[in-house]
Amino acid sequence: MEVTLNETDRLEVVLKRFRRDVTKAGLFQDMKRKRFYESPAVQRRRKSKAARRRKRI
């Protein structure tokens, strides 16, 4: 991820922009999911649960 910094930007604004970009990209969720090994059976369960959730909405 890259956030361009202008001379007039405050640090808080730049950090907020960076956090928003990282959240939109889904990097935090991906890092949390890959932190520990997940067996293939658990992966299938998680994916089917997500598919059911998407289908319901």
PDB file of N, CA and C in Angstrom:
ATOM      1  N   MET A   1       0.847  -1.165   0.000  1.00  0.00           N
ATOM      2  CA  MET A   1       0.000   0.000   0.000  1.00  0.00           C
ATOM      3  C   MET A   1       0.892   1.227   0.000  1.00  0.00           C
ATOM      4  N   GLU A   2       0.460   2.208  -0.733  1.00  0.00           N
ATOM      5  CA  GLU A   2       1.232   3.436  -0.810  1.00  0.00           C
ATOM      6  C   GLU A   2       0.278   4.609  -0.698  1.00  0.00           C
ATOM      7  N   VAL A   3       0.621   5.533   0.175  1.00  0.00           N
ATOM      8  CA  VAL A   3      -0.168   6.744   0.354  1.00  0.00           C
ATOM      9  C   VAL A   3       0.751   7.916   0.077  1.00  0.00           C
ATOM     10  N   THR A   4       0.349   8.776  -0.828  1.00  0.00           N
ATOM     11  CA  THR A   4       1.181   9.930  -1.147  1.00  0.00           C
ATOM     12  C   THR A   4       1.003  10.998  -0.085  1.00  0.00           C
ATOM     13  N   LEU A   5       2.091  11.624   0.261  1.00  0.00           N
ATOM     14  CA  LEU A   5       2.101  12.629   1.313  1.00  0.00           C
ATOM     15  C   LEU A   5       2.386  13.983   0.689  1.00  0.00           C
ATOM     16  N   ASN A   6       1.456  14.911   0.871  1.00  0.00           N
ATOM     17  CA  ASN A   6       1.657  16.274   0.401  1.00  0.00           C
ATOM     18  C   ASN A   6       2.252  17.107   1.528  1.00  0.00           C
ATOM     19  N   GLU A   7       2.799  18.255   1.187  1.00  0.00           N
ATOM     20  CA  GLU A   7       3.391  19.140   2.198  1.00  0.00           C
ATOM     21  C   GLU A   7       2.344  19.632   3.185  1.00  0.00           C
ATOM     22  N   THR A   8       1.115  19.805   2.735  1.00  0.00           N
ATOM     23  CA  THR A   8       0.083  20.398   3.590  1.00  0.00           C
ATOM     24  C   THR A   8      -0.685  19.365   4.403  1.00  0.00           C
ATOM     25  N   ASP A   9      -0.497  18.083   4.119  1.00  0.00           N
ATOM     26  CA  ASP A   9      -1.246  17.043   4.832  1.00  0.00           C
ATOM     27  C   ASP A   9      -0.726  16.864   6.256  1.00  0.00           C
ATOM     28  N   ARG A  10      -1.663  16.719   7.167  1.00  0.00           N
ATOM     29  CA  ARG A  10      -1.304  16.410   8.547  1.00  0.00           C
ATOM     30  C   ARG A  10      -1.121  14.905   8.675  1.00  0.00           C
ATOM     31  N   LEU A  11      -0.348  14.505   9.656  1.00  0.00           N
ATOM     32  CA  LEU A  11      -0.054  13.092   9.861  1.00  0.00           C
ATOM     33  C   LEU A  11      -1.319  12.299  10.159  1.00  0.00           C
ATOM     34  N   GLU A  12      -2.242  12.868  10.928  1.00  0.00           N
ATOM     35  CA  GLU A  12      -3.483  12.173  11.272  1.00  0.00           C
ATOM     36  C   GLU A  12      -4.306  11.862  10.029  1.00  0.00           C
ATOM     37  N   VAL A  13      -4.331  12.814   9.105  1.00  0.00           N
ATOM     38  CA  VAL A  13      -5.110  12.631   7.877  1.00  0.00           C
ATOM     39  C   VAL A  13      -4.495  11.524   7.018  1.00  0.00           C
ATOM     40  N   VAL A  14      -3.185  11.522   6.943  1.00  0.00           N
ATOM     41  CA  VAL A  14      -2.496  10.511   6.134  1.00  0.00           C
ATOM     42  C   VAL A  14      -2.693   9.120   6.740  1.00  0.00           C
ATOM     43  N   LEU A  15      -2.584   9.006   8.072  1.00  0.00           N
ATOM     44  CA  LEU A  15      -2.807   7.718   8.726  1.00  0.00           C
ATOM     45  C   LEU A  15      -4.231   7.226   8.521  1.00  0.00           C
ATOM     46  N   LYS A  16      -5.181   8.143   8.598  1.00  0.00           N
ATOM     47  CA  LYS A  16      -6.585   7.782   8.385  1.00  0.00           C
ATOM     48  C   LYS A  16      -6.785   7.260   6.964  1.00  0.00           C
ATOM     49  N   ARG A  17      -6.168   7.913   5.996  1.00  0.00           N
ATOM     50  CA  ARG A  17      -6.274   7.490   4.599  1.00  0.00           C
ATOM     51  C   ARG A  17      -5.641   6.106   4.407  1.00  0.00           C
ATOM     52  N   PHE A  18      -4.482   5.889   5.052  1.00  0.00           N
ATOM     53  CA  PHE A  18      -3.808   4.594   4.956  1.00  0.00           C
ATOM     54  C   PHE A  18      -4.662   3.485   5.559  1.00  0.00           C
ATOM     55  N   ARG A  19      -5.218   3.721   6.742  1.00  0.00           N
ATOM     56  CA  ARG A  19      -6.064   2.711   7.393  1.00  0.00           C
ATOM     57  C   ARG A  19      -7.282   2.382   6.538  1.00  0.00           C
ATOM     58  N   ARG A  20      -7.878   3.404   5.937  1.00  0.00           N
ATOM     59  CA  ARG A  20      -9.049   3.186   5.096  1.00  0.00           C
ATOM     60  C   ARG A  20      -8.684   2.334   3.879  1.00  0.00           C
ATOM     61  N   ASP A  21      -7.549   2.628   3.254  1.00  0.00           N
ATOM     62  CA  ASP A  21      -7.123   1.855   2.083  1.00  0.00           C
ATOM     63  C   ASP A  21      -6.833   0.398   2.445  1.00  0.00           C
ATOM     64  N   VAL A  22      -6.183   0.190   3.590  1.00  0.00           N
ATOM     65  CA  VAL A  22      -5.862  -1.169   4.026  1.00  0.00           C
ATOM     66  C   VAL A  22      -7.143  -1.940   4.333  1.00  0.00           C
ATOM     67  N   THR A  23      -8.100  -1.274   4.976  1.00  0.00           N
ATOM     68  CA  THR A  23      -9.367  -1.925   5.301  1.00  0.00           C
ATOM     69  C   THR A  23     -10.139  -2.279   4.033  1.00  0.00           C
ATOM     70  N   LYS A  24     -10.168  -1.367   3.076  1.00  0.00           N
ATOM     71  CA  LYS A  24     -10.871  -1.636   1.819  1.00  0.00           C
ATOM     72  C   LYS A  24     -10.248  -2.810   1.072  1.00  0.00           C
ATOM     73  N   ALA A  25      -8.939  -2.911   1.129  1.00  0.00           N
ATOM     74  CA  ALA A  25      -8.252  -3.999   0.431  1.00  0.00           C
ATOM     75  C   ALA A  25      -8.442  -5.337   1.139  1.00  0.00           C
ATOM     76  N   GLY A  26      -8.857  -5.304   2.395  1.00  0.00           N
ATOM     77  CA  GLY A  26      -9.092  -6.534   3.142  1.00  0.00           C
ATOM     78  C   GLY A  26      -7.825  -7.177   3.678  1.00  0.00           C
ATOM     79  N   LEU A  27      -6.779  -6.390   3.860  1.00  0.00           N
ATOM     80  CA  LEU A  27      -5.508  -6.949   4.306  1.00  0.00           C
ATOM     81  C   LEU A  27      -5.554  -7.431   5.748  1.00  0.00           C
ATOM     82  N   PHE A  28      -6.254  -6.710   6.625  1.00  0.00           N
ATOM     83  CA  PHE A  28      -6.322  -7.120   8.023  1.00  0.00           C
ATOM     84  C   PHE A  28      -7.036  -8.459   8.164  1.00  0.00           C
ATOM     85  N   GLN A  29      -8.141  -8.622   7.471  1.00  0.00           N
ATOM     86  CA  GLN A  29      -8.873  -9.887   7.546  1.00  0.00           C
ATOM     87  C   GLN A  29      -8.020 -11.030   7.004  1.00  0.00           C
ATOM     88  N   ASP A  30      -7.313 -10.773   5.934  1.00  0.00           N
ATOM     89  CA  ASP A  30      -6.462 -11.799   5.341  1.00  0.00           C
ATOM     90  C   ASP A  30      -5.326 -12.182   6.292  1.00  0.00           C
ATOM     91  N   MET A  31      -4.720 -11.194   6.931  1.00  0.00           N
ATOM     92  CA  MET A  31      -3.642 -11.480   7.880  1.00  0.00           C
ATOM     93  C   MET A  31      -4.162 -12.270   9.070  1.00  0.00           C
ATOM     94  N   LYS A  32      -5.332 -11.924   9.570  1.00  0.00           N
ATOM     95  CA  LYS A  32      -5.909 -12.655  10.696  1.00  0.00           C
ATOM     96  C   LYS A  32      -6.183 -14.101  10.309  1.00  0.00           C
ATOM     97  N   ARG A  33      -6.723 -14.297   9.106  1.00  0.00           N
ATOM     98  CA  ARG A  33      -7.072 -15.642   8.666  1.00  0.00           C
ATOM     99  C   ARG A  33      -5.827 -16.502   8.460  1.00  0.00           C
ATOM    100  N   LYS A  34      -4.747 -15.920   7.974  1.00  0.00           N
ATOM    101  CA  LYS A  34      -3.537 -16.683   7.675  1.00  0.00           C
ATOM    102  C   LYS A  34      -2.570 -16.761   8.849  1.00  0.00           C
ATOM    103  N   ARG A  35      -2.955 -16.237   9.991  1.00  0.00           N
ATOM    104  CA  ARG A  35      -2.059 -16.232  11.144  1.00  0.00           C
ATOM    105  C   ARG A  35      -1.761 -17.651  11.630  1.00  0.00           C
ATOM    106  N   PHE A  36      -2.761 -18.516  11.601  1.00  0.00           N
ATOM    107  CA  PHE A  36      -2.604 -19.896  12.030  1.00  0.00           C
ATOM    108  C   PHE A  36      -3.013 -20.814  10.885  1.00  0.00           C
ATOM    109  N   TYR A  37      -2.504 -22.043  10.925  1.00  0.00           N
ATOM    110  CA  TYR A  37      -2.848 -23.020   9.901  1.00  0.00           C
ATOM    111  C   TYR A  37      -4.326 -23.372   9.995  1.00  0.00           C
ATOM    112  N   GLU A  38      -4.944 -23.471   8.830  1.00  0.00           N
ATOM    113  CA  GLU A  38      -6.359 -23.820   8.759  1.00  0.00           C
ATOM    114  C   GLU A  38      -6.481 -25.076   7.894  1.00  0.00           C
ATOM    115  N   SER A  39      -7.022 -26.131   8.462  1.00  0.00           N
ATOM    116  CA  SER A  39      -7.123 -27.391   7.730  1.00  0.00           C
ATOM    117  C   SER A  39      -8.099 -27.242   6.564  1.00  0.00           C
ATOM    118  N   PRO A  40      -7.982 -28.095   5.562  1.00  0.00           N
ATOM    119  CA  PRO A  40      -8.889 -28.018   4.419  1.00  0.00           C
ATOM    120  C   PRO A  40     -10.360 -28.135   4.804  1.00  0.00           C
ATOM    121  N   ALA A  41     -10.672 -28.952   5.802  1.00  0.00           N
ATOM    122  CA  ALA A  41     -12.069 -29.091   6.224  1.00  0.00           C
ATOM    123  C   ALA A  41     -12.588 -27.781   6.801  1.00  0.00           C
ATOM    124  N   VAL A  42     -11.771 -27.112   7.575  1.00  0.00           N
ATOM    125  CA  VAL A  42     -12.179 -25.833   8.167  1.00  0.00           C
ATOM    126  C   VAL A  42     -12.312 -24.776   7.078  1.00  0.00           C
ATOM    127  N   GLN A  43     -11.437 -24.815   6.081  1.00  0.00           N
ATOM    128  CA  GLN A  43     -11.538 -23.876   4.963  1.00  0.00           C
ATOM    129  C   GLN A  43     -12.858 -24.057   4.223  1.00  0.00           C
ATOM    130  N   ARG A  44     -13.223 -25.326   3.952  1.00  0.00           N
ATOM    131  CA  ARG A  44     -14.494 -25.587   3.262  1.00  0.00           C
ATOM    132  C   ARG A  44     -15.666 -25.083   4.082  1.00  0.00           C
ATOM    133  N   ARG A  45     -15.636 -25.334   5.390  1.00  0.00           N
ATOM    134  CA  ARG A  45     -16.717 -24.876   6.266  1.00  0.00           C
ATOM    135  C   ARG A  45     -16.839 -23.357   6.245  1.00  0.00           C
ATOM    136  N   ARG A  46     -15.699 -22.665   6.332  1.00  0.00           N
ATOM    137  CA  ARG A  46     -15.702 -21.205   6.341  1.00  0.00           C
ATOM    138  C   ARG A  46     -16.225 -20.653   5.010  1.00  0.00           C
ATOM    139  N   LYS A  47     -15.781 -21.250   3.912  1.00  0.00           N
ATOM    140  CA  LYS A  47     -16.216 -20.775   2.602  1.00  0.00           C
ATOM    141  C   LYS A  47     -17.699 -21.028   2.369  1.00  0.00           C
ATOM    142  N   SER A  48     -18.204 -22.188   2.790  1.00  0.00           N
ATOM    143  CA  SER A  48     -19.627 -22.468   2.592  1.00  0.00           C
ATOM    144  C   SER A  48     -20.478 -21.565   3.480  1.00  0.00           C
ATOM    145  N   LYS A  49     -19.994 -21.280   4.681  1.00  0.00           N
ATOM    146  CA  LYS A  49     -20.721 -20.374   5.567  1.00  0.00           C
ATOM    147  C   LYS A  49     -20.782 -18.969   4.963  1.00  0.00           C
ATOM    148  N   ALA A  50     -19.679 -18.517   4.382  1.00  0.00           N
ATOM    149  CA  ALA A  50     -19.656 -17.201   3.745  1.00  0.00           C
ATOM    150  C   ALA A  50     -20.574 -17.172   2.525  1.00  0.00           C
ATOM    151  N   ALA A  51     -20.610 -18.268   1.768  1.00  0.00           N
ATOM    152  CA  ALA A  51     -21.482 -18.331   0.597  1.00  0.00           C
ATOM    153  C   ALA A  51     -22.948 -18.280   1.009  1.00  0.00           C
ATOM    154  N   ARG A  52     -23.291 -18.999   2.091  1.00  0.00           N
ATOM    155  CA  ARG A  52     -24.674 -18.944   2.585  1.00  0.00           C
ATOM    156  C   ARG A  52     -25.035 -17.538   3.044  1.00  0.00           C
ATOM    157  N   ARG A  53     -24.091 -16.874   3.692  1.00  0.00           N
ATOM    158  CA  ARG A  53     -24.334 -15.511   4.161  1.00  0.00           C
ATOM    159  C   ARG A  53     -24.552 -14.568   2.975  1.00  0.00           C
ATOM    160  N   ARG A  54     -23.727 -14.718   1.913  1.00  0.00           N
ATOM    161  CA  ARG A  54     -23.888 -13.869   0.730  1.00  0.00           C
ATOM    162  C   ARG A  54     -25.206 -14.153   0.023  1.00  0.00           C
ATOM    163  N   LYS A  55     -25.588 -15.423  -0.038  1.00  0.00           N
ATOM    164  CA  LYS A  55     -26.824 -15.806  -0.723  1.00  0.00           C
ATOM    165  C   LYS A  55     -28.049 -15.264   0.005  1.00  0.00           C
ATOM    166  N   ARG A  56     -27.989 -15.251   1.333  1.00  0.00           N
ATOM    167  CA  ARG A  56     -29.115 -14.793   2.136  1.00  0.00           C
ATOM    168  C   ARG A  56     -29.354 -13.294   1.958  1.00  0.00           C
ATOM    169  N   ILE A  57     -28.291 -12.554   1.779  1.00  0.00           N
ATOM    170  CA  ILE A  57     -28.422 -11.094   1.651  1.00  0.00           C
ATOM    171  C   ILE A  57     -28.770 -10.688   0.281  1.00  0.00           C
TER     172      ILE A  57
END
